[in-house]
N, C-alpha and C. Protein backbone atom coordinates (compact mmCIF):
# COMPACT_ATOMS: atom_id res chain seq x y z
N MET A 1 11.56 -28.74 -4.29
CA MET A 1 10.66 -27.89 -5.03
C MET A 1 11.44 -27.20 -6.16
N ARG A 2 10.84 -27.10 -7.29
CA ARG A 2 11.50 -26.49 -8.44
C ARG A 2 11.53 -24.97 -8.31
N ALA A 3 12.49 -24.38 -9.01
CA ALA A 3 12.68 -22.92 -8.93
C ALA A 3 11.44 -22.17 -9.37
N TRP A 4 10.77 -22.64 -10.42
CA TRP A 4 9.60 -21.94 -10.91
C TRP A 4 8.47 -22.00 -9.88
N GLN A 5 8.42 -23.08 -9.09
CA GLN A 5 7.39 -23.19 -8.05
C GLN A 5 7.66 -22.20 -6.92
N VAL A 6 8.92 -22.06 -6.56
CA VAL A 6 9.30 -21.11 -5.52
C VAL A 6 8.96 -19.69 -5.98
N ASP A 7 9.32 -19.38 -7.22
CA ASP A 7 9.02 -18.05 -7.77
C ASP A 7 7.52 -17.80 -7.82
N ARG A 8 6.76 -18.81 -8.20
CA ARG A 8 5.30 -18.67 -8.27
C ARG A 8 4.72 -18.42 -6.89
N ARG A 9 5.21 -19.12 -5.88
CA ARG A 9 4.72 -18.92 -4.51
C ARG A 9 5.07 -17.52 -3.99
N LYS A 10 6.27 -17.05 -4.31
CA LYS A 10 6.67 -15.70 -3.90
C LYS A 10 5.76 -14.66 -4.54
N ARG A 11 5.49 -14.85 -5.84
CA ARG A 11 4.62 -13.91 -6.55
C ARG A 11 3.21 -13.95 -5.98
N THR A 12 2.70 -15.14 -5.69
CA THR A 12 1.37 -15.28 -5.13
C THR A 12 1.27 -14.59 -3.77
N ARG A 13 2.27 -14.80 -2.94
CA ARG A 13 2.28 -14.16 -1.62
C ARG A 13 2.30 -12.64 -1.77
N HIS A 14 3.11 -12.14 -2.69
CA HIS A 14 3.19 -10.70 -2.93
C HIS A 14 1.83 -10.15 -3.35
N LEU A 15 1.15 -10.83 -4.25
CA LEU A 15 -0.16 -10.38 -4.72
C LEU A 15 -1.19 -10.42 -3.60
N ILE A 16 -1.13 -11.43 -2.76
CA ILE A 16 -2.05 -11.52 -1.62
C ILE A 16 -1.80 -10.35 -0.66
N GLU A 17 -0.54 -10.04 -0.42
CA GLU A 17 -0.22 -8.91 0.46
C GLU A 17 -0.73 -7.59 -0.12
N LEU A 18 -0.60 -7.42 -1.44
CA LEU A 18 -1.12 -6.20 -2.06
C LEU A 18 -2.64 -6.12 -1.94
N GLY A 19 -3.30 -7.25 -2.11
CA GLY A 19 -4.76 -7.28 -1.91
C GLY A 19 -5.12 -6.94 -0.47
N GLY A 20 -4.30 -7.38 0.46
CA GLY A 20 -4.52 -7.05 1.87
C GLY A 20 -4.44 -5.56 2.11
N LEU A 21 -3.59 -4.88 1.37
CA LEU A 21 -3.50 -3.43 1.50
C LEU A 21 -4.79 -2.75 1.04
N VAL A 22 -5.41 -3.29 0.01
CA VAL A 22 -6.69 -2.74 -0.47
C VAL A 22 -7.73 -2.87 0.63
N VAL A 23 -7.74 -4.01 1.30
CA VAL A 23 -8.68 -4.23 2.41
C VAL A 23 -8.32 -3.32 3.58
N LYS A 24 -7.04 -3.28 3.94
CA LYS A 24 -6.58 -2.49 5.08
C LYS A 24 -6.88 -1.01 4.89
N ALA A 25 -6.83 -0.53 3.66
CA ALA A 25 -7.13 0.87 3.38
C ALA A 25 -8.62 1.17 3.46
N GLY A 26 -9.44 0.13 3.56
CA GLY A 26 -10.89 0.32 3.67
C GLY A 26 -11.59 0.44 2.34
N LEU A 27 -10.86 0.21 1.24
CA LEU A 27 -11.47 0.38 -0.08
C LEU A 27 -12.58 -0.63 -0.37
N VAL A 28 -12.46 -1.80 0.17
CA VAL A 28 -13.49 -2.82 -0.07
C VAL A 28 -14.80 -2.38 0.57
N ASN A 29 -14.73 -1.94 1.82
CA ASN A 29 -15.95 -1.49 2.51
C ASN A 29 -16.50 -0.22 1.89
N LEU A 30 -15.63 0.72 1.56
CA LEU A 30 -16.09 2.01 1.02
C LEU A 30 -16.72 1.88 -0.36
N THR A 31 -16.29 0.90 -1.13
CA THR A 31 -16.81 0.73 -2.49
C THR A 31 -17.80 -0.41 -2.61
N GLY A 32 -18.05 -1.09 -1.51
CA GLY A 32 -18.93 -2.26 -1.58
C GLY A 32 -18.29 -3.38 -2.40
N GLY A 33 -16.99 -3.36 -2.49
CA GLY A 33 -16.28 -4.39 -3.24
C GLY A 33 -16.37 -4.23 -4.75
N ASP A 34 -16.78 -3.04 -5.20
CA ASP A 34 -16.91 -2.78 -6.63
C ASP A 34 -15.53 -2.75 -7.28
N ARG A 35 -15.21 -3.79 -8.00
CA ARG A 35 -13.89 -3.92 -8.60
C ARG A 35 -13.59 -2.82 -9.61
N ALA A 36 -14.59 -2.41 -10.37
CA ALA A 36 -14.37 -1.34 -11.35
C ALA A 36 -14.00 -0.04 -10.65
N MET A 37 -14.66 0.26 -9.53
CA MET A 37 -14.35 1.48 -8.80
C MET A 37 -12.96 1.41 -8.18
N ILE A 38 -12.61 0.27 -7.59
CA ILE A 38 -11.28 0.11 -7.00
C ILE A 38 -10.22 0.22 -8.08
N TYR A 39 -10.44 -0.42 -9.21
CA TYR A 39 -9.49 -0.35 -10.31
C TYR A 39 -9.37 1.08 -10.83
N GLY A 40 -10.49 1.78 -10.93
CA GLY A 40 -10.46 3.18 -11.35
C GLY A 40 -9.65 4.04 -10.40
N ALA A 41 -9.78 3.79 -9.10
CA ALA A 41 -8.99 4.54 -8.11
C ALA A 41 -7.51 4.24 -8.27
N LEU A 42 -7.18 2.99 -8.53
CA LEU A 42 -5.78 2.62 -8.73
C LEU A 42 -5.23 3.26 -10.01
N LEU A 43 -6.05 3.33 -11.05
CA LEU A 43 -5.62 3.98 -12.29
C LEU A 43 -5.41 5.48 -12.06
N TRP A 44 -6.27 6.10 -11.26
CA TRP A 44 -6.11 7.51 -10.93
C TRP A 44 -4.78 7.72 -10.21
N MET A 45 -4.47 6.83 -9.28
CA MET A 45 -3.20 6.94 -8.55
C MET A 45 -2.02 6.77 -9.52
N ALA A 46 -2.13 5.84 -10.44
CA ALA A 46 -1.05 5.62 -11.41
C ALA A 46 -0.84 6.87 -12.27
N GLU A 47 -1.93 7.54 -12.65
CA GLU A 47 -1.81 8.78 -13.42
C GLU A 47 -1.06 9.84 -12.62
N LYS A 48 -1.39 9.96 -11.34
CA LYS A 48 -0.71 10.93 -10.48
C LYS A 48 0.78 10.63 -10.37
N LEU A 49 1.11 9.35 -10.29
CA LEU A 49 2.51 8.94 -10.15
C LEU A 49 3.29 9.08 -11.45
N GLN A 50 2.58 9.27 -12.56
CA GLN A 50 3.23 9.47 -13.85
C GLN A 50 3.21 10.93 -14.29
N SER A 51 2.62 11.79 -13.48
CA SER A 51 2.49 13.19 -13.85
C SER A 51 3.80 13.94 -13.63
N ASN A 52 3.78 15.23 -13.98
CA ASN A 52 4.97 16.05 -13.78
C ASN A 52 5.21 16.36 -12.30
N ARG A 53 4.27 16.02 -11.44
CA ARG A 53 4.42 16.20 -10.00
C ARG A 53 4.52 14.85 -9.29
N SER A 54 5.10 13.88 -9.97
CA SER A 54 5.13 12.52 -9.43
C SER A 54 5.95 12.41 -8.14
N GLU A 55 7.04 13.15 -8.06
CA GLU A 55 7.87 13.06 -6.85
C GLU A 55 7.11 13.56 -5.63
N GLN A 56 6.36 14.64 -5.81
CA GLN A 56 5.55 15.18 -4.72
C GLN A 56 4.46 14.18 -4.33
N ALA A 57 3.82 13.58 -5.32
CA ALA A 57 2.77 12.60 -5.05
C ALA A 57 3.33 11.38 -4.33
N ARG A 58 4.49 10.92 -4.75
CA ARG A 58 5.13 9.77 -4.10
C ARG A 58 5.46 10.07 -2.65
N ALA A 59 6.05 11.24 -2.40
CA ALA A 59 6.42 11.61 -1.04
C ALA A 59 5.20 11.72 -0.15
N LEU A 60 4.15 12.34 -0.67
CA LEU A 60 2.92 12.53 0.10
C LEU A 60 2.29 11.19 0.45
N ARG A 61 2.13 10.33 -0.53
CA ARG A 61 1.48 9.03 -0.30
C ARG A 61 2.34 8.12 0.57
N ALA A 62 3.65 8.16 0.40
CA ALA A 62 4.53 7.34 1.23
C ALA A 62 4.44 7.78 2.69
N ALA A 63 4.39 9.10 2.92
CA ALA A 63 4.29 9.60 4.29
C ALA A 63 2.95 9.20 4.92
N LYS A 64 1.88 9.35 4.16
CA LYS A 64 0.56 8.98 4.69
C LYS A 64 0.49 7.48 4.97
N GLY A 65 1.06 6.67 4.10
CA GLY A 65 1.07 5.23 4.31
C GLY A 65 1.89 4.84 5.52
N ALA A 66 3.04 5.47 5.69
CA ALA A 66 3.89 5.18 6.85
C ALA A 66 3.18 5.55 8.14
N GLN A 67 2.47 6.68 8.13
CA GLN A 67 1.72 7.09 9.32
C GLN A 67 0.60 6.10 9.62
N ALA A 68 -0.08 5.65 8.59
CA ALA A 68 -1.16 4.69 8.78
C ALA A 68 -0.62 3.37 9.32
N PHE A 69 0.50 2.92 8.78
CA PHE A 69 1.11 1.70 9.29
C PHE A 69 1.51 1.87 10.75
N ALA A 70 2.06 3.00 11.08
CA ALA A 70 2.49 3.26 12.45
C ALA A 70 1.30 3.24 13.40
N GLY A 71 0.14 3.65 12.93
CA GLY A 71 -1.05 3.66 13.75
C GLY A 71 -1.74 2.32 13.86
N VAL A 72 -1.37 1.38 13.01
CA VAL A 72 -1.99 0.06 13.03
C VAL A 72 -1.65 -0.67 14.32
N GLY A 73 -0.46 -0.48 14.81
CA GLY A 73 -0.03 -1.13 16.05
C GLY A 73 0.45 -2.55 15.82
N ASP A 74 1.69 -2.67 15.48
CA ASP A 74 2.32 -3.96 15.29
C ASP A 74 3.63 -3.94 16.05
N PRO A 75 3.56 -3.90 17.41
CA PRO A 75 4.77 -3.71 18.20
C PRO A 75 5.81 -4.80 18.02
N GLU A 76 5.39 -6.02 17.76
CA GLU A 76 6.36 -7.10 17.57
C GLU A 76 6.93 -7.12 16.17
N GLY A 77 6.34 -6.34 15.26
CA GLY A 77 6.82 -6.32 13.88
C GLY A 77 6.52 -7.62 13.16
N THR A 78 5.38 -8.23 13.47
CA THR A 78 5.06 -9.53 12.89
C THR A 78 4.13 -9.44 11.69
N ASP A 79 3.54 -8.27 11.43
CA ASP A 79 2.64 -8.13 10.30
C ASP A 79 3.45 -8.09 9.02
N PRO A 80 3.32 -9.10 8.13
CA PRO A 80 4.14 -9.13 6.92
C PRO A 80 3.80 -8.02 5.94
N ILE A 81 2.64 -7.38 6.10
CA ILE A 81 2.25 -6.31 5.19
C ILE A 81 2.94 -5.01 5.57
N VAL A 82 3.31 -4.87 6.83
CA VAL A 82 3.92 -3.63 7.31
C VAL A 82 5.43 -3.70 7.12
N PRO A 83 5.99 -2.91 6.20
CA PRO A 83 7.43 -2.93 6.02
C PRO A 83 8.15 -2.38 7.24
N ALA A 84 9.35 -2.86 7.47
CA ALA A 84 10.11 -2.45 8.65
C ALA A 84 10.28 -0.94 8.71
N ALA A 85 10.53 -0.31 7.58
CA ALA A 85 10.73 1.15 7.57
C ALA A 85 9.48 1.89 8.03
N ALA A 86 8.31 1.33 7.77
CA ALA A 86 7.07 1.99 8.14
C ALA A 86 6.78 1.85 9.63
N ARG A 87 7.43 0.91 10.31
CA ARG A 87 7.21 0.73 11.73
C ARG A 87 7.88 1.82 12.55
N LYS A 88 8.84 2.51 11.95
CA LYS A 88 9.54 3.58 12.64
C LYS A 88 8.65 4.83 12.62
N SER A 89 8.87 5.71 13.55
CA SER A 89 8.06 6.93 13.58
C SER A 89 8.40 7.79 12.37
N VAL A 90 7.42 8.54 11.93
CA VAL A 90 7.61 9.41 10.78
C VAL A 90 7.56 10.86 11.24
N GLY A 91 8.12 11.72 10.44
CA GLY A 91 8.16 13.15 10.76
C GLY A 91 6.83 13.80 10.48
N LYS A 92 6.86 15.13 10.40
CA LYS A 92 5.66 15.92 10.15
C LYS A 92 5.08 15.58 8.78
N PRO A 93 3.78 15.32 8.70
CA PRO A 93 3.19 14.95 7.41
C PRO A 93 3.11 16.12 6.46
N TRP A 94 3.20 15.82 5.18
CA TRP A 94 3.00 16.85 4.16
C TRP A 94 1.51 17.09 4.04
N GLU A 95 1.16 18.26 3.58
CA GLU A 95 -0.24 18.56 3.41
C GLU A 95 -0.70 18.10 2.03
N ASP A 96 -1.94 17.67 1.96
CA ASP A 96 -2.54 17.27 0.69
C ASP A 96 -2.67 18.48 -0.20
N GLN A 97 -2.36 18.32 -1.48
CA GLN A 97 -2.54 19.44 -2.40
C GLN A 97 -3.37 19.03 -3.57
């Protein structure tokens, strides 16, 4: 297999995993699959991550995501969407602000 094919497959897998996160977060059900609404939510998140409080937003969202992953229940660590670091227990969550 050529290098560009391997790279393309890696990219495709990565994009599929990211789409799986949209489903896992419940956004598809909550929005009725409305792509404009999902995209708008993602743009809102990008604005928060580019704001002057980006570090706080990153820490908050990373902690919430790690907690959600920990609650999913993947004891064997076989879910490719769940990063290894998220399988470990997390400390006290930050409060939403």
